[in-house]
Amino acid sequence: MRSTSLVLALALIALPGCSSSPVAKVIAEDAPQYLSKAPATGDPELGRRLMGMTVETNACFVGVAKPQPFASWKERTLSYEGNVGAKLQKDFGPLLKAGAGVESVEKIEVTLGDIQEISLDKVYFDPASACAADESLRKDYAREGGREEKVVTRALRAGSIAITQAMGMQASFEVAAAAFGGGAARGPASASAGTANSTRSSWSGTQLYFAHRAEDMRVTQAGAPQCALSVGRGQSCDLAPCGAVVTSMSAKGKWGATVSCRDGFKANLKGTAGTWAGVHTGNGVSYGLRVTPGTQVGMATVDFERWTVVTAR
């Protein structure tokens, strides 16, 4: 049975339909530190956890996004032959829509241009994120040594796309609104003769994110003992090197507070009773604050947490 299964697995790998997509192939050859998103998206998905090959819906990590030209690439031309519509769907999903005539097209070339790398720098944990609210994750973050997460911190973006196809057997294409940051889907901004026997349709200003890279981040959490503070009296709930002072609390549960640190950092926070608010205080460090009305008038119950993120490797 094992040998039969092995033969079947090898046969499946050899099937044309099971081969790597053109995008995955060029990434594996020229940028092996990246993974193909398959399909591309209109969102870089930075700050999200990578679970196997799946990127989470919500970002639990925050930072400063910086675009720069991708050093080793300016553009890449990908060739699609046979079953063109299905192969484009695999690589680009709903962002690149093939219209009438695609069934008769035997081959097209897709050129991705103006390729940039978007990096997430100065990464820190979001104390108000879904990860912070997950009790199972909180236990892992709070234990000695914390928890490692794979976090998407790099993405490759194509700022233009062009499709070249042979004369006589042509399909219509449009790029979805999501690839331009919203608005409406667009037909080609320009169309011209590619060669004597082909035509080329082009779009510029796109935000086609087709590959990403994750880094291993270690997250640790520490909490101060729950504090009972007088509102507006300057009493502080401390967790080195910072402390939180509740400055106001309305009858409807709206609160204001100040977080200040020994290095001179100071920030004002606002929130609603029972919900977390967060602030980035330094390199990889953030604090979470939750305020609820106390048992007596003029008092507040405060939960104060420190989150630390460091590169694991």
Protein backbone atom coordinates (compact mmCIF):
# COMPACT_ATOMS: atom_id res chain seq x y z
CA MET A 1 0.00 0.00 0.00
CA ARG A 2 2.80 2.41 0.82
CA SER A 3 4.52 1.88 -2.54
CA THR A 4 1.21 2.33 -4.37
CA SER A 5 0.56 5.59 -2.52
CA LEU A 6 4.07 6.81 -3.33
CA VAL A 7 3.65 6.07 -7.02
CA LEU A 8 0.29 7.86 -7.04
CA ALA A 9 1.78 10.89 -5.28
CA LEU A 10 4.66 11.08 -7.78
CA ALA A 11 2.22 10.75 -10.66
CA LEU A 12 0.13 13.62 -9.31
CA ILE A 13 3.21 15.81 -9.01
CA ALA A 14 4.01 15.11 -12.64
CA LEU A 15 0.56 16.09 -13.90
CA PRO A 16 0.52 19.47 -15.71
CA GLY A 17 -2.37 20.70 -13.56
CA CYS A 18 -0.36 20.09 -10.40
CA SER A 19 2.73 22.05 -11.45
CA SER A 20 3.70 25.36 -9.91
CA SER A 21 1.95 28.45 -11.19
CA PRO A 22 4.02 30.97 -13.18
CA VAL A 23 4.09 33.37 -10.20
CA ALA A 24 5.16 30.65 -7.75
CA LYS A 25 7.81 29.43 -10.19
CA VAL A 26 9.49 32.81 -10.68
CA ILE A 27 9.42 33.50 -6.93
CA ALA A 28 10.98 30.10 -6.15
CA GLU A 29 13.73 30.76 -8.69
CA ASP A 30 14.48 34.46 -8.14
CA ALA A 31 13.18 35.33 -4.64
CA PRO A 32 13.15 32.07 -2.65
CA GLN A 33 12.85 33.91 0.67
CA TYR A 34 9.30 34.83 -0.36
CA LEU A 35 6.11 32.78 -0.69
CA SER A 36 3.55 33.20 -3.45
CA LYS A 37 0.27 34.53 -2.05
CA ALA A 38 -1.74 32.60 -4.70
CA PRO A 39 -3.98 34.39 -5.32
CA ALA A 40 -2.70 37.95 -5.24
CA THR A 41 -4.55 40.48 -3.09
CA GLY A 42 -5.05 44.23 -2.93
CA ASP A 43 -3.80 44.24 0.68
CA PRO A 44 -0.21 43.54 1.80
CA GLU A 45 -1.56 41.79 4.94
CA LEU A 46 1.37 43.07 6.96
CA GLY A 47 1.29 42.42 10.70
CA ARG A 48 -0.84 39.29 10.36
CA ARG A 49 0.12 35.88 11.64
CA LEU A 50 1.00 33.25 9.05
CA MET A 51 -0.58 29.93 10.02
CA GLY A 52 0.93 27.31 7.75
CA MET A 53 0.19 28.77 4.31
CA THR A 54 -2.80 30.82 5.48
CA VAL A 55 -2.69 34.46 6.58
CA GLU A 56 -5.06 35.44 9.37
CA THR A 57 -7.86 37.92 8.69
CA ASN A 58 -6.91 40.39 11.44
CA ALA A 59 -3.55 42.00 12.14
CA CYS A 60 -2.22 41.52 15.67
CA PHE A 61 1.04 43.35 15.01
CA VAL A 62 1.61 46.97 14.03
CA GLY A 63 4.55 48.90 12.65
CA VAL A 64 5.68 51.42 10.07
CA ALA A 65 5.10 50.33 6.45
CA LYS A 66 7.86 51.47 4.08
CA PRO A 67 7.87 50.91 0.29
CA GLN A 68 11.11 50.67 -1.66
CA PRO A 69 12.14 49.27 -5.07
CA PHE A 70 12.81 45.54 -4.91
CA ALA A 71 16.57 45.39 -5.40
CA SER A 72 16.76 42.34 -7.65
CA TRP A 73 13.64 42.94 -9.77
CA LYS A 74 12.29 45.70 -11.95
CA GLU A 75 9.67 43.66 -13.75
CA ARG A 76 8.86 40.04 -14.50
CA THR A 77 7.07 38.54 -17.51
CA LEU A 78 5.06 35.37 -16.86
CA SER A 79 3.89 32.98 -19.56
CA TYR A 80 0.49 31.25 -19.35
CA GLU A 81 -0.21 28.43 -21.81
CA GLY A 82 -3.28 26.23 -21.96
CA ASN A 83 -6.30 26.64 -19.71
CA VAL A 84 -5.33 30.30 -19.40
CA GLY A 85 -8.43 31.43 -17.47
CA ALA A 86 -7.99 28.87 -14.70
CA LYS A 87 -4.28 29.58 -14.32
CA LEU A 88 -4.87 33.32 -14.08
CA GLN A 89 -7.56 32.68 -11.48
CA LYS A 90 -5.07 30.69 -9.39
CA ASP A 91 -2.44 33.43 -9.41
CA PHE A 92 -4.61 36.57 -9.34
CA GLY A 93 -8.04 35.46 -8.10
CA PRO A 94 -10.76 38.09 -8.58
CA LEU A 95 -8.25 40.93 -9.07
CA LEU A 96 -7.68 40.08 -12.73
CA LYS A 97 -10.91 39.25 -14.53
CA ALA A 98 -10.90 37.47 -17.89
CA GLY A 99 -13.89 38.19 -20.08
CA ALA A 100 -15.30 36.82 -23.29
CA GLY A 101 -12.97 34.83 -25.51
CA VAL A 102 -10.56 33.56 -22.86
CA GLU A 103 -11.56 29.95 -23.61
CA SER A 104 -10.06 30.21 -27.09
CA VAL A 105 -6.81 31.86 -25.99
CA GLU A 106 -3.92 29.41 -26.00
CA LYS A 107 -1.21 31.63 -24.58
CA ILE A 108 -0.74 35.06 -23.00
CA GLU A 109 2.09 36.86 -21.27
CA VAL A 110 1.54 38.85 -18.07
CA THR A 111 4.18 41.45 -17.21
CA LEU A 112 4.32 42.70 -13.63
CA GLY A 113 6.15 46.03 -13.43
CA ASP A 114 7.11 48.74 -10.94
CA ILE A 115 7.76 46.02 -8.37
CA GLN A 116 8.30 47.26 -4.84
CA GLU A 117 8.98 45.63 -1.51
CA ILE A 118 6.74 46.88 1.31
CA SER A 119 8.36 46.29 4.68
CA LEU A 120 6.89 46.55 8.16
CA ASP A 121 9.49 48.05 10.49
CA LYS A 122 9.47 48.88 14.21
CA VAL A 123 7.04 46.03 14.83
CA TYR A 124 5.06 45.86 18.07
CA PHE A 125 2.06 43.95 19.41
CA ASP A 126 -1.41 45.51 19.33
CA PRO A 127 -2.81 45.19 22.88
CA ALA A 128 -6.36 45.72 21.55
CA SER A 129 -6.10 43.02 18.87
CA ALA A 130 -7.93 39.72 18.55
CA CYS A 131 -4.77 37.88 19.62
CA ALA A 132 -4.71 39.79 22.91
CA ALA A 133 -8.32 38.76 23.59
CA ASP A 134 -7.72 35.05 22.90
CA GLU A 135 -7.41 33.36 26.28
CA SER A 136 -5.36 30.44 24.96
CA LEU A 137 -2.87 32.76 23.30
CA ARG A 138 -2.71 34.99 26.38
CA LYS A 139 -1.61 32.04 28.49
CA ASP A 140 1.18 31.27 26.02
CA TYR A 141 2.32 34.90 25.83
CA ALA A 142 2.40 35.16 29.64
CA ARG A 143 4.45 32.04 30.27
CA GLU A 144 8.24 32.21 30.65
CA GLY A 145 9.80 32.81 27.25
CA GLY A 146 6.47 33.79 25.69
CA ARG A 147 5.34 32.43 22.33
CA GLU A 148 6.79 32.51 18.83
CA GLU A 149 4.65 33.72 15.94
CA LYS A 150 5.31 33.89 12.22
CA VAL A 151 4.37 37.44 11.25
CA VAL A 152 4.09 38.81 7.72
CA THR A 153 6.57 41.72 7.59
CA ARG A 154 7.39 41.93 3.85
CA ALA A 155 5.27 41.94 0.71
CA LEU A 156 6.00 42.35 -3.00
CA ARG A 157 3.71 44.71 -4.90
CA ALA A 158 3.31 45.22 -8.65
CA GLY A 159 2.48 48.82 -9.50
CA SER A 160 1.63 47.98 -13.09
CA ILE A 161 0.43 45.01 -15.11
CA ALA A 162 0.40 44.36 -18.85
CA ILE A 163 -1.11 41.51 -20.87
CA THR A 164 0.26 40.54 -24.26
CA GLN A 165 -1.75 38.19 -26.48
CA ALA A 166 -1.63 37.04 -30.06
CA MET A 167 -3.65 38.72 -32.78
CA GLY A 168 -6.83 37.00 -33.83
CA MET A 169 -7.49 34.99 -30.62
CA GLN A 170 -7.99 37.64 -27.97
CA ALA A 171 -9.87 37.92 -24.69
CA SER A 172 -10.96 41.00 -22.79
CA PHE A 173 -9.53 41.67 -19.33
CA GLU A 174 -10.17 44.10 -16.52
CA VAL A 175 -8.46 44.71 -13.19
CA ALA A 176 -10.75 44.77 -10.14
CA ALA A 177 -11.27 47.85 -7.98
CA ALA A 178 -9.50 46.20 -5.03
CA ALA A 179 -6.25 46.27 -6.99
CA PHE A 180 -6.42 50.07 -7.13
CA GLY A 181 -7.41 50.63 -3.50
CA GLY A 182 -11.14 50.95 -4.29
CA GLY A 183 -13.37 52.67 -6.80
CA ALA A 184 -14.47 50.68 -9.83
CA ALA A 185 -12.98 47.89 -11.92
CA ARG A 186 -10.96 49.20 -14.84
CA GLY A 187 -10.29 48.19 -18.38
CA PRO A 188 -6.79 48.75 -19.76
CA ALA A 189 -5.47 52.29 -19.47
CA SER A 190 -3.64 51.78 -22.75
CA ALA A 191 -3.60 49.31 -25.62
CA SER A 192 -0.95 49.08 -28.29
CA ALA A 193 0.69 46.74 -30.75
CA GLY A 194 3.15 44.53 -28.92
CA THR A 195 4.75 43.04 -32.04
CA ALA A 196 3.51 42.55 -35.58
CA ASN A 197 1.45 39.60 -34.36
CA SER A 198 0.37 40.65 -30.86
CA THR A 199 -1.35 43.36 -28.83
CA ARG A 200 -0.48 44.64 -25.35
CA SER A 201 -2.94 46.03 -22.79
CA SER A 202 -1.57 47.90 -19.77
CA TRP A 203 -2.72 49.13 -16.37
CA SER A 204 -0.74 51.41 -14.07
CA GLY A 205 -1.23 52.46 -10.45
CA THR A 206 -2.10 48.95 -9.33
CA GLN A 207 -1.58 47.49 -5.87
CA LEU A 208 -1.19 43.82 -6.70
CA TYR A 209 0.44 42.06 -3.76
CA PHE A 210 1.60 38.71 -5.12
CA ALA A 211 4.17 37.46 -2.59
CA HIS A 212 4.96 37.83 1.10
CA ARG A 213 7.58 36.94 3.67
CA ALA A 214 7.16 36.16 7.36
CA GLU A 215 9.55 36.61 10.25
CA ASP A 216 9.67 34.70 13.52
CA MET A 217 8.67 37.01 16.38
CA ARG A 218 8.71 36.17 20.07
CA VAL A 219 5.89 37.78 22.06
CA THR A 220 5.84 38.06 25.85
CA GLN A 221 3.22 39.57 28.11
CA ALA A 222 3.39 40.75 31.71
CA GLY A 223 0.60 42.24 33.79
CA ALA A 224 0.58 44.44 36.87
CA PRO A 225 -1.62 43.39 39.80
CA GLN A 226 -5.09 44.82 39.24
CA CYS A 227 -5.25 48.36 40.61
CA ALA A 228 -8.02 50.33 42.34
CA LEU A 229 -7.41 54.02 41.60
CA SER A 230 -9.14 57.27 42.48
CA VAL A 231 -10.17 59.02 39.27
CA GLY A 232 -8.44 62.33 38.66
CA ARG A 233 -6.26 62.12 41.77
CA GLY A 234 -2.93 61.23 40.14
CA GLN A 235 -2.74 57.71 41.55
CA SER A 236 -0.74 55.42 39.27
CA CYS A 237 -0.92 51.74 38.33
CA ASP A 238 2.71 50.85 37.67
CA LEU A 239 4.42 48.23 35.54
CA ALA A 240 8.05 49.17 34.93
CA PRO A 241 9.09 51.27 33.22
CA CYS A 242 5.64 52.87 32.75
CA GLY A 243 2.56 53.76 34.74
CA ALA A 244 -1.08 54.63 34.03
CA VAL A 245 -3.19 57.33 35.68
CA VAL A 246 -6.97 57.51 35.16
CA THR A 247 -7.87 61.16 34.56
CA SER A 248 -11.61 60.91 33.88
CA MET A 249 -14.58 58.53 33.94
CA SER A 250 -18.05 59.48 32.68
CA ALA A 251 -21.38 58.12 33.86
CA LYS A 252 -21.60 56.27 30.52
CA GLY A 253 -18.27 54.53 31.07
CA LYS A 254 -16.09 56.68 28.84
CA TRP A 255 -12.67 57.04 30.41
CA GLY A 256 -9.47 58.99 29.84
CA ALA A 257 -6.01 58.09 31.09
CA THR A 258 -2.37 59.03 30.78
CA VAL A 259 0.48 56.55 30.30
CA SER A 260 3.92 57.89 31.15
CA CYS A 261 7.35 56.21 31.29
CA ARG A 262 10.68 56.83 32.95
CA ASP A 263 12.32 57.88 29.67
CA GLY A 264 9.92 60.83 29.35
CA PHE A 265 7.38 59.15 27.06
CA LYS A 266 3.81 60.29 27.68
CA ALA A 267 0.53 59.59 25.87
CA ASN A 268 -3.16 60.19 26.50
CA LEU A 269 -5.56 57.30 25.99
CA LYS A 270 -9.33 57.13 25.73
CA GLY A 271 -11.65 54.15 25.89
CA THR A 272 -14.93 52.60 26.91
CA ALA A 273 -15.35 50.70 30.17
CA GLY A 274 -14.27 47.07 29.85
CA THR A 275 -12.44 47.40 26.51
CA TRP A 276 -8.69 47.50 25.92
CA ALA A 277 -6.75 50.44 24.54
CA GLY A 278 -3.10 50.27 23.59
CA VAL A 279 -0.08 52.49 23.11
CA HIS A 280 3.36 51.92 21.60
CA THR A 281 5.97 53.15 24.08
CA GLY A 282 9.31 52.08 22.59
CA ASN A 283 11.27 49.58 20.52
CA GLY A 284 9.03 46.51 20.31
CA VAL A 285 7.19 47.48 23.51
CA SER A 286 3.53 48.38 23.92
CA TYR A 287 1.14 48.69 26.84
CA GLY A 288 -2.50 47.71 27.13
CA LEU A 289 -4.93 49.47 29.46
CA ARG A 290 -8.45 48.46 30.51
CA VAL A 291 -10.53 50.61 32.85
CA THR A 292 -13.85 49.76 34.50
CA PRO A 293 -15.88 51.62 37.14
CA GLY A 294 -14.81 50.78 40.68
CA THR A 295 -17.00 49.54 43.50
CA GLN A 296 -17.23 53.08 44.90
CA VAL A 297 -18.05 56.41 43.27
CA GLY A 298 -14.94 58.14 41.99
CA MET A 299 -12.95 54.90 41.83
CA ALA A 300 -11.75 52.87 38.82
CA THR A 301 -10.47 49.33 38.45
CA VAL A 302 -7.44 49.18 36.17
CA ASP A 303 -5.76 46.33 34.29
CA PHE A 304 -2.34 47.30 32.91
CA GLU A 305 -0.20 45.05 30.68
CA ARG A 306 3.17 45.23 28.96
CA TRP A 307 3.77 43.47 25.62
CA THR A 308 7.24 42.90 24.18
CA VAL A 309 8.13 41.75 20.66
CA VAL A 310 11.62 40.68 19.57
CA THR A 311 12.87 38.93 16.45
CA ALA A 312 13.20 35.27 17.40
CA ARG A 313 15.95 34.39 14.92
